[in-house]
């Protein structure tokens, strides 16, 4: 789990899809999926600690979207922790993983269009606030409930709605993910679903992984990392569907 946590931290920094790895590995090792999901989400905030140093780079228009995102994340976490049954969650996971793969595979084209300014929002500050609030209210419910590839989803929302430069978008993504993951942590901490020793190990490894993620980008592109995660996730989804 130390190795997996390191890899997840690197991916969260470089490709915004790292939380899938601890969940998949724990599930393969026989941990119930609800427990694996809660343990992963409890560890995730530590992979975004660098966001504390990036808050000043986030535009003020993000204040309201962050409030709604926090509430939506709490709602999503509550649904999984208190309402959804283990059987329903296990049946739904393969299809959720397929959605994650689709998001990962289409993001390269989306980012290319964003980088070339061919698909960028041209909205007033008020309209930008409304659109970001609406988009993140949806993605944050998912972030609290499962969270796999949610970073890629939020990057896409930022890229479509705003005309911010990429460093600003990435910083805002990190602050948003830190906010929603902290809220999810608070909800799951009230349950008996979290394997706290595992969450602590994975979380600390994620911190280290996030610190070395930037250096790894000089060796492997973020797209290559996403393709690796997409391949592993596809195999996992297929295996789950085969055995269901």
C-alpha atoms as a PDB file:
ATOM      1  CA  UNK A   1       0.000   0.000   0.000  1.00  0.00           C
ATOM      2  CA  UNK A   2       2.994   2.314   0.437  1.00  0.00           C
ATOM      3  CA  UNK A   3       3.934   1.753  -3.207  1.00  0.00           C
ATOM      4  CA  UNK A   4       0.334   2.197  -4.337  1.00  0.00           C
ATOM      5  CA  UNK A   5       0.002   5.359  -2.250  1.00  0.00           C
ATOM      6  CA  UNK A   6       3.155   6.787  -3.839  1.00  0.00           C
ATOM      7  CA  UNK A   7       1.798   6.038  -7.300  1.00  0.00           C
ATOM      8  CA  UNK A   8      -1.575   7.567  -6.400  1.00  0.00           C
ATOM      9  CA  UNK A   9       0.084  10.749  -5.136  1.00  0.00           C
ATOM     10  CA  UNK A  10       2.117  11.072  -8.324  1.00  0.00           C
ATOM     11  CA  UNK A  11      -0.978  10.554 -10.457  1.00  0.00           C
ATOM     12  CA  UNK A  12      -3.081  13.009  -8.465  1.00  0.00           C
ATOM     13  CA  UNK A  13      -0.419  15.622  -9.115  1.00  0.00           C
ATOM     14  CA  UNK A  14       0.383  14.766 -12.721  1.00  0.00           C
ATOM     15  CA  UNK A  15      -2.775  13.238 -14.146  1.00  0.00           C
ATOM     16  CA  UNK A  16      -5.610  13.797 -11.651  1.00  0.00           C
ATOM     17  CA  UNK A  17      -6.686  10.159 -11.434  1.00  0.00           C
ATOM     18  CA  UNK A  18      -4.660   8.602  -8.624  1.00  0.00           C
ATOM     19  CA  UNK A  19      -7.420   7.653  -6.201  1.00  0.00           C
ATOM     20  CA  UNK A  20      -8.494   4.807  -8.476  1.00  0.00           C
ATOM     21  CA  UNK A  21      -5.335   2.828  -7.659  1.00  0.00           C
ATOM     22  CA  UNK A  22      -5.734   2.292  -3.872  1.00  0.00           C
ATOM     23  CA  UNK A  23      -9.399   1.443  -4.382  1.00  0.00           C
ATOM     24  CA  UNK A  24      -8.667  -1.121  -7.094  1.00  0.00           C
ATOM     25  CA  UNK A  25      -5.787  -2.757  -5.214  1.00  0.00           C
ATOM     26  CA  UNK A  26      -7.730  -3.032  -1.946  1.00  0.00           C
ATOM     27  CA  UNK A  27     -10.680  -4.515  -3.855  1.00  0.00           C
ATOM     28  CA  UNK A  28      -8.371  -7.060  -5.541  1.00  0.00           C
ATOM     29  CA  UNK A  29      -6.998  -7.982  -2.115  1.00  0.00           C
ATOM     30  CA  UNK A  30     -10.493  -8.821  -0.878  1.00  0.00           C
ATOM     31  CA  UNK A  31     -11.399  -5.647   1.006  1.00  0.00           C
ATOM     32  CA  UNK A  32     -15.163  -4.964   0.665  1.00  0.00           C
ATOM     33  CA  UNK A  33     -15.700  -2.221  -1.915  1.00  0.00           C
ATOM     34  CA  UNK A  34     -17.491   0.139   0.444  1.00  0.00           C
ATOM     35  CA  UNK A  35     -14.587  -0.152   2.874  1.00  0.00           C
ATOM     36  CA  UNK A  36     -11.988   0.239   0.115  1.00  0.00           C
ATOM     37  CA  UNK A  37     -13.808   3.307  -1.178  1.00  0.00           C
ATOM     38  CA  UNK A  38     -14.125   4.943   2.259  1.00  0.00           C
ATOM     39  CA  UNK A  39     -10.481   4.176   3.126  1.00  0.00           C
ATOM     40  CA  UNK A  40      -9.257   5.680  -0.143  1.00  0.00           C
ATOM     41  CA  UNK A  41     -11.365   8.816   0.278  1.00  0.00           C
ATOM     42  CA  UNK A  42     -10.167   9.203   3.881  1.00  0.00           C
ATOM     43  CA  UNK A  43      -6.555   9.186   2.633  1.00  0.00           C
ATOM     44  CA  UNK A  44      -7.106  11.453  -0.378  1.00  0.00           C
ATOM     45  CA  UNK A  45      -6.938  14.889   1.328  1.00  0.00           C
ATOM     46  CA  UNK A  46      -3.247  14.381   2.051  1.00  0.00           C
ATOM     47  CA  UNK A  47      -2.460  14.180  -1.662  1.00  0.00           C
ATOM     48  CA  UNK A  48      -3.723  17.743  -2.080  1.00  0.00           C
ATOM     49  CA  UNK A  49      -1.869  19.442   0.790  1.00  0.00           C
ATOM     50  CA  UNK A  50       0.063  21.502  -1.739  1.00  0.00           C
ATOM     51  CA  UNK A  51      -3.223  23.305  -2.440  1.00  0.00           C
ATOM     52  CA  UNK A  52      -2.722  25.321   0.761  1.00  0.00           C
ATOM     53  CA  UNK A  53       0.144  27.105  -1.024  1.00  0.00           C
ATOM     54  CA  UNK A  54      -1.935  27.606  -4.178  1.00  0.00           C
ATOM     55  CA  UNK A  55      -5.002  29.255  -2.648  1.00  0.00           C
ATOM     56  CA  UNK A  56      -3.735  32.762  -3.478  1.00  0.00           C
ATOM     57  CA  UNK A  57      -3.669  31.829  -7.164  1.00  0.00           C
ATOM     58  CA  UNK A  58      -7.382  30.937  -7.207  1.00  0.00           C
ATOM     59  CA  UNK A  59      -9.687  33.709  -8.535  1.00  0.00           C
ATOM     60  CA  UNK A  60     -12.221  35.133  -6.089  1.00  0.00           C
ATOM     61  CA  UNK A  61     -15.070  33.972  -8.316  1.00  0.00           C
ATOM     62  CA  UNK A  62     -14.433  30.476  -6.894  1.00  0.00           C
ATOM     63  CA  UNK A  63     -15.732  31.373  -3.416  1.00  0.00           C
ATOM     64  CA  UNK A  64     -19.384  30.463  -4.067  1.00  0.00           C
ATOM     65  CA  UNK A  65     -18.630  27.356  -6.182  1.00  0.00           C
ATOM     66  CA  UNK A  66     -16.409  26.042  -3.374  1.00  0.00           C
ATOM     67  CA  UNK A  67     -19.224  26.408  -0.829  1.00  0.00           C
ATOM     68  CA  UNK A  68     -21.673  24.519  -3.032  1.00  0.00           C
ATOM     69  CA  UNK A  69     -19.024  21.912  -3.871  1.00  0.00           C
ATOM     70  CA  UNK A  70     -18.458  21.252  -0.171  1.00  0.00           C
ATOM     71  CA  UNK A  71     -22.189  20.754   0.417  1.00  0.00           C
ATOM     72  CA  UNK A  72     -22.506  18.498  -2.636  1.00  0.00           C
ATOM     73  CA  UNK A  73     -19.515  16.408  -1.539  1.00  0.00           C
ATOM     74  CA  UNK A  74     -21.073  15.937   1.899  1.00  0.00           C
ATOM     75  CA  UNK A  75     -24.296  14.777   0.244  1.00  0.00           C
ATOM     76  CA  UNK A  76     -22.474  12.277  -1.986  1.00  0.00           C
ATOM     77  CA  UNK A  77     -20.456  10.890   0.908  1.00  0.00           C
ATOM     78  CA  UNK A  78     -23.591  10.602   3.051  1.00  0.00           C
ATOM     79  CA  UNK A  79     -25.380   8.620   0.325  1.00  0.00           C
ATOM     80  CA  UNK A  80     -22.592   6.044   0.082  1.00  0.00           C
ATOM     81  CA  UNK A  81     -21.814   5.893   3.797  1.00  0.00           C
ATOM     82  CA  UNK A  82     -25.364   5.797   5.141  1.00  0.00           C
ATOM     83  CA  UNK A  83     -27.829   4.905   2.379  1.00  0.00           C
ATOM     84  CA  UNK A  84     -26.326   2.757  -0.396  1.00  0.00           C
ATOM     85  CA  UNK A  85     -26.069  -0.971   0.296  1.00  0.00           C
ATOM     86  CA  UNK A  86     -22.873  -2.932  -0.265  1.00  0.00           C
ATOM     87  CA  UNK A  87     -24.578  -5.002  -2.979  1.00  0.00           C
ATOM     88  CA  UNK A  88     -25.778  -1.967  -4.906  1.00  0.00           C
ATOM     89  CA  UNK A  89     -22.369  -0.319  -4.640  1.00  0.00           C
ATOM     90  CA  UNK A  90     -20.583  -3.409  -5.920  1.00  0.00           C
ATOM     91  CA  UNK A  91     -23.008  -3.739  -8.847  1.00  0.00           C
ATOM     92  CA  UNK A  92     -22.583  -0.057  -9.761  1.00  0.00           C
ATOM     93  CA  UNK A  93     -18.772   0.106  -9.529  1.00  0.00           C
ATOM     94  CA  UNK A  94     -17.949  -1.580 -12.898  1.00  0.00           C
ATOM     95  CA  UNK A  95     -20.083   0.951 -14.753  1.00  0.00           C
ATOM     96  CA  UNK A  96     -18.602   3.829 -12.767  1.00  0.00           C
ATOM     97  CA  UNK A  97     -15.136   2.573 -13.716  1.00  0.00           C
ATOM     98  CA  UNK A  98     -16.146   2.515 -17.386  1.00  0.00           C
ATOM     99  CA  UNK A  99     -17.182   6.171 -17.086  1.00  0.00           C
ATOM    100  CA  UNK A 100     -13.792   6.906 -15.489  1.00  0.00           C
ATOM    101  CA  UNK A 101     -12.011   5.287 -18.438  1.00  0.00           C
ATOM    102  CA  UNK A 102     -14.069   7.327 -20.921  1.00  0.00           C
ATOM    103  CA  UNK A 103     -13.191  10.539 -19.063  1.00  0.00           C
ATOM    104  CA  UNK A 104      -9.492   9.661 -18.972  1.00  0.00           C
ATOM    105  CA  UNK A 105      -9.333   8.794 -22.666  1.00  0.00           C
ATOM    106  CA  UNK A 106     -11.192  11.888 -23.883  1.00  0.00           C
ATOM    107  CA  UNK A 107      -9.355  14.399 -21.697  1.00  0.00           C
ATOM    108  CA  UNK A 108      -6.299  14.673 -23.968  1.00  0.00           C
ATOM    109  CA  UNK A 109      -8.443  15.988 -26.820  1.00  0.00           C
ATOM    110  CA  UNK A 110     -10.330  18.287 -24.463  1.00  0.00           C
ATOM    111  CA  UNK A 111      -7.122  19.738 -23.029  1.00  0.00           C
ATOM    112  CA  UNK A 112      -5.687  20.246 -26.518  1.00  0.00           C
ATOM    113  CA  UNK A 113      -8.707  22.301 -27.498  1.00  0.00           C
ATOM    114  CA  UNK A 114      -8.436  24.291 -24.286  1.00  0.00           C
ATOM    115  CA  UNK A 115      -4.712  24.937 -24.809  1.00  0.00           C
ATOM    116  CA  UNK A 116      -5.324  26.222 -28.341  1.00  0.00           C
ATOM    117  CA  UNK A 117      -8.124  28.482 -27.092  1.00  0.00           C
ATOM    118  CA  UNK A 118     -10.568  26.822 -29.492  1.00  0.00           C
ATOM    119  CA  UNK A 119     -12.984  25.809 -26.743  1.00  0.00           C
ATOM    120  CA  UNK A 120     -12.984  28.394 -23.976  1.00  0.00           C
ATOM    121  CA  UNK A 121     -15.760  30.147 -22.112  1.00  0.00           C
ATOM    122  CA  UNK A 122     -16.459  33.799 -22.805  1.00  0.00           C
ATOM    123  CA  UNK A 123     -18.757  34.582 -19.906  1.00  0.00           C
ATOM    124  CA  UNK A 124     -19.210  37.454 -17.498  1.00  0.00           C
ATOM    125  CA  UNK A 125     -17.984  36.981 -13.888  1.00  0.00           C
ATOM    126  CA  UNK A 126     -21.583  36.393 -12.742  1.00  0.00           C
ATOM    127  CA  UNK A 127     -22.256  33.829 -15.462  1.00  0.00           C
ATOM    128  CA  UNK A 128     -18.907  32.161 -14.776  1.00  0.00           C
ATOM    129  CA  UNK A 129     -19.811  31.859 -11.086  1.00  0.00           C
ATOM    130  CA  UNK A 130     -23.195  30.285 -11.922  1.00  0.00           C
ATOM    131  CA  UNK A 131     -21.744  27.834 -14.430  1.00  0.00           C
ATOM    132  CA  UNK A 132     -18.900  26.773 -12.143  1.00  0.00           C
ATOM    133  CA  UNK A 133     -21.302  26.370  -9.228  1.00  0.00           C
ATOM    134  CA  UNK A 134     -23.625  24.211 -11.334  1.00  0.00           C
ATOM    135  CA  UNK A 135     -20.824  22.092 -12.755  1.00  0.00           C
ATOM    136  CA  UNK A 136     -19.084  21.492  -9.445  1.00  0.00           C
ATOM    137  CA  UNK A 137     -22.323  20.788  -7.626  1.00  0.00           C
ATOM    138  CA  UNK A 138     -22.625  17.767  -9.910  1.00  0.00           C
ATOM    139  CA  UNK A 139     -18.986  16.639  -9.917  1.00  0.00           C
ATOM    140  CA  UNK A 140     -18.682  17.091  -6.142  1.00  0.00           C
ATOM    141  CA  UNK A 141     -21.563  14.724  -5.397  1.00  0.00           C
ATOM    142  CA  UNK A 142     -19.547  12.166  -7.336  1.00  0.00           C
ATOM    143  CA  UNK A 143     -16.354  13.229  -5.537  1.00  0.00           C
ATOM    144  CA  UNK A 144     -17.900  12.524  -2.156  1.00  0.00           C
ATOM    145  CA  UNK A 145     -19.420   9.242  -3.281  1.00  0.00           C
ATOM    146  CA  UNK A 146     -16.508   7.721  -5.227  1.00  0.00           C
ATOM    147  CA  UNK A 147     -14.077  10.256  -6.633  1.00  0.00           C
ATOM    148  CA  UNK A 148     -12.209   8.254  -9.271  1.00  0.00           C
ATOM    149  CA  UNK A 149     -11.076  10.625 -12.076  1.00  0.00           C
ATOM    150  CA  UNK A 150     -12.992  13.528 -10.534  1.00  0.00           C
ATOM    151  CA  UNK A 151      -9.897  15.703 -10.925  1.00  0.00           C
ATOM    152  CA  UNK A 152     -10.053  15.204 -14.686  1.00  0.00           C
ATOM    153  CA  UNK A 153     -13.746  16.095 -14.655  1.00  0.00           C
ATOM    154  CA  UNK A 154     -13.106  19.314 -12.748  1.00  0.00           C
ATOM    155  CA  UNK A 155     -10.263  20.291 -15.072  1.00  0.00           C
ATOM    156  CA  UNK A 156     -12.655  19.872 -17.991  1.00  0.00           C
ATOM    157  CA  UNK A 157     -15.287  22.100 -16.347  1.00  0.00           C
ATOM    158  CA  UNK A 158     -12.696  24.796 -15.672  1.00  0.00           C
ATOM    159  CA  UNK A 159     -11.360  24.591 -19.200  1.00  0.00           C
ATOM    160  CA  UNK A 160     -14.773  24.877 -20.846  1.00  0.00           C
ATOM    161  CA  UNK A 161     -16.234  27.605 -18.617  1.00  0.00           C
ATOM    162  CA  UNK A 162     -13.228  29.855 -17.934  1.00  0.00           C
ATOM    163  CA  UNK A 163     -10.503  31.558 -19.922  1.00  0.00           C
ATOM    164  CA  UNK A 164      -7.950  31.178 -17.143  1.00  0.00           C
ATOM    165  CA  UNK A 165      -4.392  30.090 -17.956  1.00  0.00           C
ATOM    166  CA  UNK A 166      -3.610  26.444 -17.319  1.00  0.00           C
ATOM    167  CA  UNK A 167      -1.575  27.023 -14.106  1.00  0.00           C
ATOM    168  CA  UNK A 168      -4.539  28.877 -12.598  1.00  0.00           C
ATOM    169  CA  UNK A 169      -6.932  26.099 -13.640  1.00  0.00           C
ATOM    170  CA  UNK A 170      -4.703  23.437 -12.093  1.00  0.00           C
ATOM    171  CA  UNK A 171      -4.334  25.397  -8.847  1.00  0.00           C
ATOM    172  CA  UNK A 172      -8.115  25.887  -8.647  1.00  0.00           C
ATOM    173  CA  UNK A 173      -8.587  22.171  -9.287  1.00  0.00           C
ATOM    174  CA  UNK A 174      -6.274  21.322  -6.402  1.00  0.00           C
ATOM    175  CA  UNK A 175      -8.089  23.680  -4.015  1.00  0.00           C
ATOM    176  CA  UNK A 176     -11.456  22.282  -5.082  1.00  0.00           C
ATOM    177  CA  UNK A 177     -10.281  18.672  -4.645  1.00  0.00           C
ATOM    178  CA  UNK A 178      -8.803  19.521  -1.242  1.00  0.00           C
ATOM    179  CA  UNK A 179     -12.139  21.034  -0.168  1.00  0.00           C
ATOM    180  CA  UNK A 180     -14.310  18.146  -1.322  1.00  0.00           C
ATOM    181  CA  UNK A 181     -11.924  15.471  -0.016  1.00  0.00           C
ATOM    182  CA  UNK A 182     -11.760  17.103   3.421  1.00  0.00           C
ATOM    183  CA  UNK A 183     -15.562  17.143   3.589  1.00  0.00           C
ATOM    184  CA  UNK A 184     -15.686  13.497   2.504  1.00  0.00           C
ATOM    185  CA  UNK A 185     -13.101  12.657   5.141  1.00  0.00           C
ATOM    186  CA  UNK A 186     -15.327  14.246   7.788  1.00  0.00           C
ATOM    187  CA  UNK A 187     -18.335  12.175   6.731  1.00  0.00           C
ATOM    188  CA  UNK A 188     -16.512   8.836   6.475  1.00  0.00           C
ATOM    189  CA  UNK A 189     -14.781   9.451   9.815  1.00  0.00           C
ATOM    190  CA  UNK A 190     -18.198   9.088  11.470  1.00  0.00           C
ATOM    191  CA  UNK A 191     -18.598   5.551  10.097  1.00  0.00           C
ATOM    192  CA  UNK A 192     -16.887   2.219  10.711  1.00  0.00           C
ATOM    193  CA  UNK A 193     -16.006   1.830   7.025  1.00  0.00           C
ATOM    194  CA  UNK A 194     -12.477   3.255   7.149  1.00  0.00           C
ATOM    195  CA  UNK A 195      -9.423   1.059   7.727  1.00  0.00           C
ATOM    196  CA  UNK A 196      -7.509   3.794   9.538  1.00  0.00           C
ATOM    197  CA  UNK A 197      -4.027   2.198   9.558  1.00  0.00           C
ATOM    198  CA  UNK A 198      -4.273   1.640   5.804  1.00  0.00           C
ATOM    199  CA  UNK A 199      -5.665   5.149   5.246  1.00  0.00           C
ATOM    200  CA  UNK A 200      -2.774   6.646   7.225  1.00  0.00           C
ATOM    201  CA  UNK A 201      -0.146   4.699   5.266  1.00  0.00           C
ATOM    202  CA  UNK A 202      -1.715   5.485   1.891  1.00  0.00           C
ATOM    203  CA  UNK A 203      -2.235   9.139   2.824  1.00  0.00           C
ATOM    204  CA  UNK A 204       1.364   9.721   3.892  1.00  0.00           C
ATOM    205  CA  UNK A 205       2.605   7.929   0.785  1.00  0.00           C
ATOM    206  CA  UNK A 206       0.320  10.152  -1.318  1.00  0.00           C
ATOM    207  CA  UNK A 207       1.977  13.235   0.171  1.00  0.00           C
ATOM    208  CA  UNK A 208       5.391  11.963  -0.870  1.00  0.00           C
ATOM    209  CA  UNK A 209       4.098  10.935  -4.278  1.00  0.00           C
ATOM    210  CA  UNK A 210       2.590  14.360  -4.912  1.00  0.00           C
ATOM    211  CA  UNK A 211       5.952  15.980  -4.152  1.00  0.00           C
ATOM    212  CA  UNK A 212       7.770  13.853  -6.734  1.00  0.00           C
ATOM    213  CA  UNK A 213       4.982  14.005  -9.319  1.00  0.00           C
ATOM    214  CA  UNK A 214       6.354  17.106 -11.016  1.00  0.00           C
ATOM    215  CA  UNK A 215       9.761  15.486 -11.531  1.00  0.00           C
ATOM    216  CA  UNK A 216       8.156  12.379 -13.025  1.00  0.00           C
ATOM    217  CA  UNK A 217       6.470  14.531 -15.649  1.00  0.00           C
ATOM    218  CA  UNK A 218       9.889  15.092 -17.178  1.00  0.00           C
ATOM    219  CA  UNK A 219      10.076  11.331 -17.802  1.00  0.00           C
ATOM    220  CA  UNK A 220       6.473  10.387 -18.561  1.00  0.00           C
ATOM    221  CA  UNK A 221       3.799  12.690 -19.960  1.00  0.00           C
ATOM    222  CA  UNK A 222       0.542  13.188 -18.099  1.00  0.00           C
ATOM    223  CA  UNK A 223      -1.231  11.531 -21.027  1.00  0.00           C
ATOM    224  CA  UNK A 224       0.930   8.402 -20.695  1.00  0.00           C
ATOM    225  CA  UNK A 225       0.097   8.206 -17.000  1.00  0.00           C
ATOM    226  CA  UNK A 226      -3.620   8.547 -17.733  1.00  0.00           C
ATOM    227  CA  UNK A 227      -3.408   5.772 -20.351  1.00  0.00           C
ATOM    228  CA  UNK A 228      -1.761   3.467 -17.799  1.00  0.00           C
ATOM    229  CA  UNK A 229      -4.551   4.152 -15.293  1.00  0.00           C
ATOM    230  CA  UNK A 230      -7.199   3.739 -17.998  1.00  0.00           C
ATOM    231  CA  UNK A 231      -5.796   0.326 -18.972  1.00  0.00           C
ATOM    232  CA  UNK A 232      -5.735  -0.898 -15.364  1.00  0.00           C
ATOM    233  CA  UNK A 233      -9.232   0.447 -14.761  1.00  0.00           C
ATOM    234  CA  UNK A 234     -10.559  -1.235 -17.900  1.00  0.00           C
ATOM    235  CA  UNK A 235      -9.191  -4.586 -16.746  1.00  0.00           C
ATOM    236  CA  UNK A 236     -10.734  -4.059 -13.321  1.00  0.00           C
ATOM    237  CA  UNK A 237     -14.137  -3.155 -14.773  1.00  0.00           C
ATOM    238  CA  UNK A 238     -14.054  -6.165 -17.069  1.00  0.00           C
ATOM    239  CA  UNK A 239     -13.086  -8.484 -14.223  1.00  0.00           C
ATOM    240  CA  UNK A 240     -15.884  -7.188 -12.023  1.00  0.00           C
ATOM    241  CA  UNK A 241     -18.459  -7.541 -14.783  1.00  0.00           C
ATOM    242  CA  UNK A 242     -17.217 -11.088 -15.518  1.00  0.00           C
ATOM    243  CA  UNK A 243     -17.575 -12.186 -11.908  1.00  0.00           C
ATOM    244  CA  UNK A 244     -20.862 -10.393 -11.169  1.00  0.00           C
END
